[in-house]
Amino acid sequence: MKELILKRERVFHFLSLGLIAASLFLKDPVQKITILIVGILGLLFLSILKKQKILVWVYLVLMAGAAIAFYLMHKDNSAIF
């Protein structure tokens, strides 16, 4: 399975970047953060399979930053949760 994913790495990379780009055009904040996190998780998964430690840390920081920014933007709006 790992070999198959690494063989088709560009397809998975493109799909993950497409999810990240698509999250920019969504209006609902919960959908936006969900799609963004899924896209970052796809990139994180690929970097783990390729054993790229620095990219793993970069994607983890990006994911944490997205979650923190979402919380800070919507902590006063309790209707979202």
PDB file of N, CA and C in Angstrom:
ATOM      1  N   MET A   1       0.821  -1.183   0.000  1.00  0.00           N
ATOM      2  CA  MET A   1       0.000   0.000   0.000  1.00  0.00           C
ATOM      3  C   MET A   1       0.874   1.260   0.000  1.00  0.00           C
ATOM      4  N   LYS A   2       1.931   1.245   0.820  1.00  0.00           N
ATOM      5  CA  LYS A   2       2.822   2.391   0.886  1.00  0.00           C
ATOM      6  C   LYS A   2       3.458   2.650  -0.475  1.00  0.00           C
ATOM      7  N   GLU A   3       3.850   1.587  -1.148  1.00  0.00           N
ATOM      8  CA  GLU A   3       4.473   1.745  -2.462  1.00  0.00           C
ATOM      9  C   GLU A   3       3.492   2.322  -3.474  1.00  0.00           C
ATOM     10  N   LEU A   4       2.236   1.900  -3.393  1.00  0.00           N
ATOM     11  CA  LEU A   4       1.217   2.414  -4.304  1.00  0.00           C
ATOM     12  C   LEU A   4       0.977   3.907  -4.085  1.00  0.00           C
ATOM     13  N   ILE A   5       0.895   4.305  -2.828  1.00  0.00           N
ATOM     14  CA  ILE A   5       0.679   5.722  -2.520  1.00  0.00           C
ATOM     15  C   ILE A   5       1.875   6.549  -2.959  1.00  0.00           C
ATOM     16  N   LEU A   6       3.082   6.052  -2.697  1.00  0.00           N
ATOM     17  CA  LEU A   6       4.268   6.795  -3.111  1.00  0.00           C
ATOM     18  C   LEU A   6       4.409   6.827  -4.637  1.00  0.00           C
ATOM     19  N   LYS A   7       3.919   5.791  -5.298  1.00  0.00           N
ATOM     20  CA  LYS A   7       3.963   5.763  -6.762  1.00  0.00           C
ATOM     21  C   LYS A   7       3.021   6.823  -7.338  1.00  0.00           C
ATOM     22  N   ARG A   8       1.903   7.040  -6.682  1.00  0.00           N
ATOM     23  CA  ARG A   8       0.910   8.023  -7.120  1.00  0.00           C
ATOM     24  C   ARG A   8       0.965   9.289  -6.259  1.00  0.00           C
ATOM     25  N   GLU A   9       2.145   9.605  -5.780  1.00  0.00           N
ATOM     26  CA  GLU A   9       2.312  10.711  -4.845  1.00  0.00           C
ATOM     27  C   GLU A   9       1.801  12.033  -5.396  1.00  0.00           C
ATOM     28  N   ARG A  10       2.061  12.319  -6.646  1.00  0.00           N
ATOM     29  CA  ARG A  10       1.645  13.595  -7.243  1.00  0.00           C
ATOM     30  C   ARG A  10       0.123  13.740  -7.270  1.00  0.00           C
ATOM     31  N   VAL A  11      -0.583  12.653  -7.453  1.00  0.00           N
ATOM     32  CA  VAL A  11      -2.043  12.705  -7.459  1.00  0.00           C
ATOM     33  C   VAL A  11      -2.555  13.069  -6.068  1.00  0.00           C
ATOM     34  N   PHE A  12      -2.032  12.401  -5.042  1.00  0.00           N
ATOM     35  CA  PHE A  12      -2.453  12.690  -3.675  1.00  0.00           C
ATOM     36  C   PHE A  12      -2.037  14.100  -3.254  1.00  0.00           C
ATOM     37  N   HIS A  13      -0.871  14.531  -3.687  1.00  0.00           N
ATOM     38  CA  HIS A  13      -0.393  15.868  -3.389  1.00  0.00           C
ATOM     39  C   HIS A  13      -1.318  16.910  -4.029  1.00  0.00           C
ATOM     40  N   PHE A  14      -1.676  16.689  -5.276  1.00  0.00           N
ATOM     41  CA  PHE A  14      -2.574  17.592  -5.985  1.00  0.00           C
ATOM     42  C   PHE A  14      -3.955  17.646  -5.330  1.00  0.00           C
ATOM     43  N   LEU A  15      -4.489  16.493  -4.929  1.00  0.00           N
ATOM     44  CA  LEU A  15      -5.796  16.458  -4.274  1.00  0.00           C
ATOM     45  C   LEU A  15      -5.769  17.180  -2.922  1.00  0.00           C
ATOM     46  N   SER A  16      -4.703  17.011  -2.168  1.00  0.00           N
ATOM     47  CA  SER A  16      -4.588  17.697  -0.884  1.00  0.00           C
ATOM     48  C   SER A  16      -4.506  19.206  -1.076  1.00  0.00           C
ATOM     49  N   LEU A  17      -3.717  19.633  -2.043  1.00  0.00           N
ATOM     50  CA  LEU A  17      -3.627  21.070  -2.323  1.00  0.00           C
ATOM     51  C   LEU A  17      -4.949  21.605  -2.855  1.00  0.00           C
ATOM     52  N   GLY A  18      -5.675  20.785  -3.613  1.00  0.00           N
ATOM     53  CA  GLY A  18      -6.994  21.182  -4.093  1.00  0.00           C
ATOM     54  C   GLY A  18      -7.981  21.371  -2.958  1.00  0.00           C
ATOM     55  N   LEU A  19      -7.917  20.513  -1.953  1.00  0.00           N
ATOM     56  CA  LEU A  19      -8.779  20.671  -0.781  1.00  0.00           C
ATOM     57  C   LEU A  19      -8.457  21.952  -0.020  1.00  0.00           C
ATOM     58  N   ILE A  20      -7.177  22.235   0.114  1.00  0.00           N
ATOM     59  CA  ILE A  20      -6.780  23.455   0.803  1.00  0.00           C
ATOM     60  C   ILE A  20      -7.273  24.681   0.038  1.00  0.00           C
ATOM     61  N   ALA A  21      -7.131  24.643  -1.283  1.00  0.00           N
ATOM     62  CA  ALA A  21      -7.602  25.767  -2.098  1.00  0.00           C
ATOM     63  C   ALA A  21      -9.122  25.881  -2.057  1.00  0.00           C
ATOM     64  N   ALA A  22      -9.821  24.767  -2.052  1.00  0.00           N
ATOM     65  CA  ALA A  22     -11.285  24.792  -2.019  1.00  0.00           C
ATOM     66  C   ALA A  22     -11.806  25.350  -0.698  1.00  0.00           C
ATOM     67  N   SER A  23     -11.041  25.171   0.371  1.00  0.00           N
ATOM     68  CA  SER A  23     -11.491  25.684   1.670  1.00  0.00           C
ATOM     69  C   SER A  23     -11.543  27.210   1.685  1.00  0.00           C
ATOM     70  N   LEU A  24     -10.823  27.852   0.792  1.00  0.00           N
ATOM     71  CA  LEU A  24     -10.849  29.314   0.725  1.00  0.00           C
ATOM     72  C   LEU A  24     -12.201  29.846   0.265  1.00  0.00           C
ATOM     73  N   PHE A  25     -12.932  29.069  -0.517  1.00  0.00           N
ATOM     74  CA  PHE A  25     -14.164  29.538  -1.126  1.00  0.00           C
ATOM     75  C   PHE A  25     -15.420  29.139  -0.377  1.00  0.00           C
ATOM     76  N   LEU A  26     -15.278  28.438   0.736  1.00  0.00           N
ATOM     77  CA  LEU A  26     -16.435  28.026   1.519  1.00  0.00           C
ATOM     78  C   LEU A  26     -16.843  29.132   2.481  1.00  0.00           C
ATOM     79  N   LYS A  27     -18.139  29.247   2.721  1.00  0.00           N
ATOM     80  CA  LYS A  27     -18.663  30.285   3.616  1.00  0.00           C
ATOM     81  C   LYS A  27     -18.781  29.801   5.054  1.00  0.00           C
ATOM     82  N   ASP A  28     -19.207  28.558   5.238  1.00  0.00           N
ATOM     83  CA  ASP A  28     -19.412  28.022   6.580  1.00  0.00           C
ATOM     84  C   ASP A  28     -18.059  27.780   7.259  1.00  0.00           C
ATOM     85  N   PRO A  29     -17.833  28.390   8.430  1.00  0.00           N
ATOM     86  CA  PRO A  29     -16.526  28.263   9.077  1.00  0.00           C
ATOM     87  C   PRO A  29     -16.179  26.835   9.501  1.00  0.00           C
ATOM     88  N   VAL A  30     -17.169  26.065   9.887  1.00  0.00           N
ATOM     89  CA  VAL A  30     -16.887  24.684  10.304  1.00  0.00           C
ATOM     90  C   VAL A  30     -16.468  23.844   9.098  1.00  0.00           C
ATOM     91  N   GLN A  31     -17.166  24.000   7.984  1.00  0.00           N
ATOM     92  CA  GLN A  31     -16.766  23.290   6.771  1.00  0.00           C
ATOM     93  C   GLN A  31     -15.396  23.750   6.305  1.00  0.00           C
ATOM     94  N   LYS A  32     -15.159  25.044   6.396  1.00  0.00           N
ATOM     95  CA  LYS A  32     -13.885  25.606   5.949  1.00  0.00           C
ATOM     96  C   LYS A  32     -12.721  25.007   6.726  1.00  0.00           C
ATOM     97  N   ILE A  33     -12.820  24.966   8.043  1.00  0.00           N
ATOM     98  CA  ILE A  33     -11.723  24.450   8.852  1.00  0.00           C
ATOM     99  C   ILE A  33     -11.585  22.937   8.676  1.00  0.00           C
ATOM    100  N   THR A  34     -12.707  22.247   8.488  1.00  0.00           N
ATOM    101  CA  THR A  34     -12.657  20.799   8.292  1.00  0.00           C
ATOM    102  C   THR A  34     -11.937  20.443   6.997  1.00  0.00           C
ATOM    103  N   ILE A  35     -12.294  21.117   5.911  1.00  0.00           N
ATOM    104  CA  ILE A  35     -11.655  20.842   4.626  1.00  0.00           C
ATOM    105  C   ILE A  35     -10.181  21.235   4.668  1.00  0.00           C
ATOM    106  N   LEU A  36      -9.872  22.339   5.320  1.00  0.00           N
ATOM    107  CA  LEU A  36      -8.475  22.775   5.446  1.00  0.00           C
ATOM    108  C   LEU A  36      -7.648  21.751   6.210  1.00  0.00           C
ATOM    109  N   ILE A  37      -8.182  21.262   7.323  1.00  0.00           N
ATOM    110  CA  ILE A  37      -7.461  20.274   8.133  1.00  0.00           C
ATOM    111  C   ILE A  37      -7.286  18.963   7.361  1.00  0.00           C
ATOM    112  N   VAL A  38      -8.299  18.546   6.610  1.00  0.00           N
ATOM    113  CA  VAL A  38      -8.187  17.311   5.824  1.00  0.00           C
ATOM    114  C   VAL A  38      -7.102  17.459   4.757  1.00  0.00           C
ATOM    115  N   GLY A  39      -7.045  18.614   4.119  1.00  0.00           N
ATOM    116  CA  GLY A  39      -5.996  18.861   3.124  1.00  0.00           C
ATOM    117  C   GLY A  39      -4.610  18.837   3.736  1.00  0.00           C
ATOM    118  N   ILE A  40      -4.463  19.468   4.894  1.00  0.00           N
ATOM    119  CA  ILE A  40      -3.160  19.464   5.572  1.00  0.00           C
ATOM    120  C   ILE A  40      -2.809  18.058   6.042  1.00  0.00           C
ATOM    121  N   LEU A  41      -3.806  17.304   6.494  1.00  0.00           N
ATOM    122  CA  LEU A  41      -3.547  15.911   6.899  1.00  0.00           C
ATOM    123  C   LEU A  41      -3.063  15.061   5.731  1.00  0.00           C
ATOM    124  N   GLY A  42      -3.600  15.308   4.533  1.00  0.00           N
ATOM    125  CA  GLY A  42      -3.129  14.588   3.351  1.00  0.00           C
ATOM    126  C   GLY A  42      -1.669  14.871   3.069  1.00  0.00           C
ATOM    127  N   LEU A  43      -1.282  16.142   3.145  1.00  0.00           N
ATOM    128  CA  LEU A  43       0.123  16.501   2.946  1.00  0.00           C
ATOM    129  C   LEU A  43       0.999  15.937   4.053  1.00  0.00           C
ATOM    130  N   LEU A  44       0.481  15.955   5.279  1.00  0.00           N
ATOM    131  CA  LEU A  44       1.214  15.395   6.412  1.00  0.00           C
ATOM    132  C   LEU A  44       1.432  13.897   6.228  1.00  0.00           C
ATOM    133  N   PHE A  45       0.407  13.199   5.783  1.00  0.00           N
ATOM    134  CA  PHE A  45       0.509  11.750   5.555  1.00  0.00           C
ATOM    135  C   PHE A  45       1.571  11.436   4.499  1.00  0.00           C
ATOM    136  N   LEU A  46       1.590  12.208   3.420  1.00  0.00           N
ATOM    137  CA  LEU A  46       2.603  11.987   2.381  1.00  0.00           C
ATOM    138  C   LEU A  46       4.004  12.248   2.902  1.00  0.00           C
ATOM    139  N   SER A  47       4.165  13.298   3.695  1.00  0.00           N
ATOM    140  CA  SER A  47       5.502  13.595   4.208  1.00  0.00           C
ATOM    141  C   SER A  47       5.956  12.555   5.235  1.00  0.00           C
ATOM    142  N   ILE A  48       5.009  11.972   5.960  1.00  0.00           N
ATOM    143  CA  ILE A  48       5.375  10.888   6.883  1.00  0.00           C
ATOM    144  C   ILE A  48       5.835   9.663   6.104  1.00  0.00           C
ATOM    145  N   LEU A  49       5.124   9.335   5.022  1.00  0.00           N
ATOM    146  CA  LEU A  49       5.515   8.182   4.216  1.00  0.00           C
ATOM    147  C   LEU A  49       6.880   8.372   3.552  1.00  0.00           C
ATOM    148  N   LYS A  50       7.187   9.614   3.191  1.00  0.00           N
ATOM    149  CA  LYS A  50       8.470   9.901   2.555  1.00  0.00           C
ATOM    150  C   LYS A  50       9.577  10.178   3.564  1.00  0.00           C
ATOM    151  N   LYS A  51       9.223  10.145   4.850  1.00  0.00           N
ATOM    152  CA  LYS A  51      10.159  10.344   5.957  1.00  0.00           C
ATOM    153  C   LYS A  51      10.858  11.702   5.872  1.00  0.00           C
ATOM    154  N   GLN A  52      10.071  12.741   5.649  1.00  0.00           N
ATOM    155  CA  GLN A  52      10.580  14.104   5.613  1.00  0.00           C
ATOM    156  C   GLN A  52      10.209  14.780   6.930  1.00  0.00           C
ATOM    157  N   LYS A  53      11.130  14.740   7.875  1.00  0.00           N
ATOM    158  CA  LYS A  53      10.842  15.184   9.241  1.00  0.00           C
ATOM    159  C   LYS A  53      10.519  16.667   9.321  1.00  0.00           C
ATOM    160  N   ILE A  54      11.215  17.476   8.567  1.00  0.00           N
ATOM    161  CA  ILE A  54      10.988  18.923   8.647  1.00  0.00           C
ATOM    162  C   ILE A  54       9.595  19.261   8.121  1.00  0.00           C
ATOM    163  N   LEU A  55       9.187  18.638   7.036  1.00  0.00           N
ATOM    164  CA  LEU A  55       7.844  18.897   6.514  1.00  0.00           C
ATOM    165  C   LEU A  55       6.767  18.411   7.466  1.00  0.00           C
ATOM    166  N   VAL A  56       7.019  17.336   8.179  1.00  0.00           N
ATOM    167  CA  VAL A  56       6.057  16.856   9.174  1.00  0.00           C
ATOM    168  C   VAL A  56       5.832  17.938  10.216  1.00  0.00           C
ATOM    169  N   TRP A  57       6.906  18.533  10.702  1.00  0.00           N
ATOM    170  CA  TRP A  57       6.772  19.594  11.710  1.00  0.00           C
ATOM    171  C   TRP A  57       6.087  20.828  11.136  1.00  0.00           C
ATOM    172  N   VAL A  58       6.398  21.163   9.893  1.00  0.00           N
ATOM    173  CA  VAL A  58       5.763  22.328   9.267  1.00  0.00           C
ATOM    174  C   VAL A  58       4.260  22.113   9.149  1.00  0.00           C
ATOM    175  N   TYR A  59       3.849  20.933   8.704  1.00  0.00           N
ATOM    176  CA  TYR A  59       2.417  20.653   8.556  1.00  0.00           C
ATOM    177  C   TYR A  59       1.711  20.571   9.909  1.00  0.00           C
ATOM    178  N   LEU A  60       2.382  20.063  10.924  1.00  0.00           N
ATOM    179  CA  LEU A  60       1.789  20.038  12.260  1.00  0.00           C
ATOM    180  C   LEU A  60       1.590  21.452  12.791  1.00  0.00           C
ATOM    181  N   VAL A  61       2.565  22.324  12.566  1.00  0.00           N
ATOM    182  CA  VAL A  61       2.435  23.716  12.993  1.00  0.00           C
ATOM    183  C   VAL A  61       1.315  24.407  12.228  1.00  0.00           C
ATOM    184  N   LEU A  62       1.209  24.155  10.913  1.00  0.00           N
ATOM    185  CA  LEU A  62       0.128  24.730  10.122  1.00  0.00           C
ATOM    186  C   LEU A  62      -1.237  24.261  10.608  1.00  0.00           C
ATOM    187  N   MET A  63      -1.344  22.995  10.936  1.00  0.00           N
ATOM    188  CA  MET A  63      -2.616  22.461  11.417  1.00  0.00           C
ATOM    189  C   MET A  63      -2.981  23.070  12.768  1.00  0.00           C
ATOM    190  N   ALA A  64      -2.009  23.179  13.648  1.00  0.00           N
ATOM    191  CA  ALA A  64      -2.267  23.789  14.951  1.00  0.00           C
ATOM    192  C   ALA A  64      -2.612  25.271  14.782  1.00  0.00           C
ATOM    193  N   GLY A  65      -1.925  25.950  13.887  1.00  0.00           N
ATOM    194  CA  GLY A  65      -2.221  27.353  13.625  1.00  0.00           C
ATOM    195  C   GLY A  65      -3.616  27.557  13.078  1.00  0.00           C
ATOM    196  N   ALA A  66      -4.048  26.676  12.203  1.00  0.00           N
ATOM    197  CA  ALA A  66      -5.405  26.778  11.656  1.00  0.00           C
ATOM    198  C   ALA A  66      -6.445  26.561  12.747  1.00  0.00           C
ATOM    199  N   ALA A  67      -6.219  25.598  13.621  1.00  0.00           N
ATOM    200  CA  ALA A  67      -7.168  25.339  14.704  1.00  0.00           C
ATOM    201  C   ALA A  67      -7.199  26.500  15.701  1.00  0.00           C
ATOM    202  N   ILE A  68      -6.051  27.057  16.015  1.00  0.00           N
ATOM    203  CA  ILE A  68      -6.005  28.180  16.950  1.00  0.00           C
ATOM    204  C   ILE A  68      -6.664  29.418  16.343  1.00  0.00           C
ATOM    205  N   ALA A  69      -6.390  29.682  15.073  1.00  0.00           N
ATOM    206  CA  ALA A  69      -7.010  30.834  14.411  1.00  0.00           C
ATOM    207  C   ALA A  69      -8.525  30.678  14.352  1.00  0.00           C
ATOM    208  N   PHE A  70      -8.995  29.460  14.074  1.00  0.00           N
ATOM    209  CA  PHE A  70     -10.436  29.204  14.054  1.00  0.00           C
ATOM    210  C   PHE A  70     -11.048  29.456  15.424  1.00  0.00           C
ATOM    211  N   TYR A  71     -10.387  28.995  16.456  1.00  0.00           N
ATOM    212  CA  TYR A  71     -10.898  29.195  17.814  1.00  0.00           C
ATOM    213  C   TYR A  71     -10.935  30.679  18.175  1.00  0.00           C
ATOM    214  N   LEU A  72      -9.863  31.385  17.872  1.00  0.00           N
ATOM    215  CA  LEU A  72      -9.807  32.802  18.228  1.00  0.00           C
ATOM    216  C   LEU A  72     -10.824  33.635  17.458  1.00  0.00           C
ATOM    217  N   MET A  73     -11.083  33.287  16.211  1.00  0.00           N
ATOM    218  CA  MET A  73     -12.037  34.032  15.413  1.00  0.00           C
ATOM    219  C   MET A  73     -13.467  33.803  15.866  1.00  0.00           C
ATOM    220  N   HIS A  74     -13.739  32.633  16.419  1.00  0.00           N
ATOM    221  CA  HIS A  74     -15.114  32.265  16.712  1.00  0.00           C
ATOM    222  C   HIS A  74     -15.373  31.927  18.176  1.00  0.00           C
ATOM    223  N   LYS A  75     -14.507  32.360  19.075  1.00  0.00           N
ATOM    224  CA  LYS A  75     -14.729  32.024  20.475  1.00  0.00           C
ATOM    225  C   LYS A  75     -15.919  32.772  21.069  1.00  0.00           C
ATOM    226  N   ASP A  76     -16.239  33.933  20.520  1.00  0.00           N
ATOM    227  CA  ASP A  76     -17.393  34.677  21.015  1.00  0.00           C
ATOM    228  C   ASP A  76     -18.698  34.223  20.390  1.00  0.00           C
ATOM    229  N   ASN A  77     -18.629  33.544  19.266  1.00  0.00           N
ATOM    230  CA  ASN A  77     -19.823  33.096  18.561  1.00  0.00           C
ATOM    231  C   ASN A  77     -20.098  31.644  18.940  1.00  0.00           C
ATOM    232  N   SER A  78     -20.901  31.436  19.960  1.00  0.00           N
ATOM    233  CA  SER A  78     -21.148  30.075  20.454  1.00  0.00           C
ATOM    234  C   SER A  78     -22.155  29.316  19.594  1.00  0.00           C
ATOM    235  N   ALA A  79     -22.760  29.961  18.605  1.00  0.00           N
ATOM    236  CA  ALA A  79     -23.732  29.288  17.739  1.00  0.00           C
ATOM    237  C   ALA A  79     -23.050  28.278  16.813  1.00  0.00           C
ATOM    238  N   ILE A  80     -21.750  28.426  16.575  1.00  0.00           N
ATOM    239  CA  ILE A  80     -21.033  27.502  15.687  1.00  0.00           C
ATOM    240  C   ILE A  80     -20.913  26.132  16.330  1.00  0.00           C
ATOM    241  N   PHE A  81     -20.627  26.118  17.624  1.00  0.00           N
ATOM    242  CA  PHE A  81     -20.435  24.846  18.310  1.00  0.00           C
ATOM    243  C   PHE A  81     -21.738  24.418  18.862  1.00  0.00           C
TER     244      PHE A  81
END
